[in-house]
Amino acid sequence: MAASSIADASRPPQVHIVGAGLAGLAAAVDLAAQGCHVSLYEAGPQAGGRCRSFVDSELGCRIDNGNHLLLSGNTSALAYINRIGALDTFEPAGEAAIPFVDVATGERWTVRPGPGRMPWWLLDAARRVPGTRAPDYFAALRLRFAPHEGTVAAMLPTDTALFHRLWEPITVAALNTGASEASARLVWRILAETLGRGAAACRPLLPSLGLSESLVDPALAFLARHGGRVRFGARLKALAFTGGRVGELLFDEAAVTLAPQDSVILAVPAAIAERLIPGLTVPDDYAPIVNAHFRYTLPPQAAVFTGVIGATAEWVFRKRDIVSVTVSAADRIVGCSAGELRDVLWRDVALVHGLPPGSVPPARIIKERRATFRATPAQLRRRPATATNWPNLHLAGDYVETGLPATIEGAIRSGFAAAAQIRQSRFRVPATQLSTVQPGPMPAHGTSRPIEDCQRALP
């Protein structure tokens, strides 16, 4: 990477994005689509961050580093997928249905939201959690009006079937935080954007092949088509501040000098951002996630994903040649050996899918010890805004304040927010659709479609 020693004020404004996870990719794609000159830097050898695929030598196949469930209500993710032309890389969306099994009782049920925002579906016992009544669900309104310090367990009755079989699993899965600690307000935001909007917002979006094939590779191809530059192996050591702005990016092997009209989006992990930016406060308490990938092919009629109650496994996913298990807020098991986890989690898979438990197939255990920040009220207060004290420096990442937990949707939304700030303040692009939850206007010559059309056209 050649050094840039002289800032050329006559050239077009450049946006330098550091970090090629989904937040950085979303910002880069959004800006490149508007004709901005984008340079994307990534310290590692590949893009995607914590959301990518790789070939596992032990299993002899390609796997995702973790399991992520997108829903049709994830409007920012859907806009990003549409923008990079990747909608057809997802499995045909089935009905809005969330299957569960309670391994202790053997009961199975499926939560099926109805059409529209009015929750008429709650009147149908077949659509609800067994052992619950329609009025029970309206207790969730307490989350909306919770005080800032309120947790899910403090706002909802915890001794009910509904809490044990729905509210708690959703909380742990979405926030990677136990219900006794998780922010009630944040869970309300999740519910309002999914179940609260009915079936149209609850259809699953699952990649046909892998996370990289659907969310990363198409974005890199999009950037290449739109003149974006991507540099791997570029580790940022420091930011040089001058005159109240970022004046230089200091990488391991070179420095990039910024012109006065240039901007920077720092889309790196929170701990790295804290080291690079003076006085920045970021979340500092992290929760682990454990994923298990088994080389086993389930029959096609098996559920694509299943919530598991009363077991170590919390969610089981059926993929092409793989059965995957996710355990969030996994403090209680992250210290166990890979062998122990393999046996315990396969036993849960066998219970869910009616398989013989004795013969454990080849497995890969992946532990993300610092998967996401713990979504407690105290940690939410540490989330920084997109804007910083330096007008040409912006933040993106799932730890940035988006109103959402650290999810794919939150990461992409943060990238869009950073891009929107740059476009509004530096490039004077018309403000149509420049909210913090959507990308900029679709270019007239492209193939992108409005989000509503994408939801109707889900494969």
Foldseek 3Di string as FASTA:
>chain_A
DAFDDDADQPDAAEEEEEAQALLSLLLLLLQLLVVHAYEYEAQAPFHHVQFWWDQDPLLRGIATLDDAKAWLLLLLVLQLLLSLVQLVQWDFWDWLWAWAAELVVRDIAIAHWAAFLPRPVQCPCRNDDPPDHSVLVVLLVQLQVDPLQDFQPNSHPCPGPCNQPPVQLQQCVFFLAGRVFARSNQSSVVCCSASSGTGLGRTITGGQGGRCSRRNVSSVVSCVVSNYHYYYSWAFDEFDDDPLAGQWTDTPVYIYGHHPLYFYEYADDPVVVPVHDPPAFFFDAAAKKKKKKFQAADPPVDDQKYAYGPAQFGMWGHHGRIIMTMHGSPPVPLPPDPVVCQLRVLCVVCSRRVHDSPDGGDMDMNMDRRPFGRNGSVNLVRAAAQDDSRLRYGYAAQRHDDSHHRHSSSRSLRSLLNSLSSCVPRVVDDCVQSDSRHRDDRDPPDDRDRSVVSSVVRD
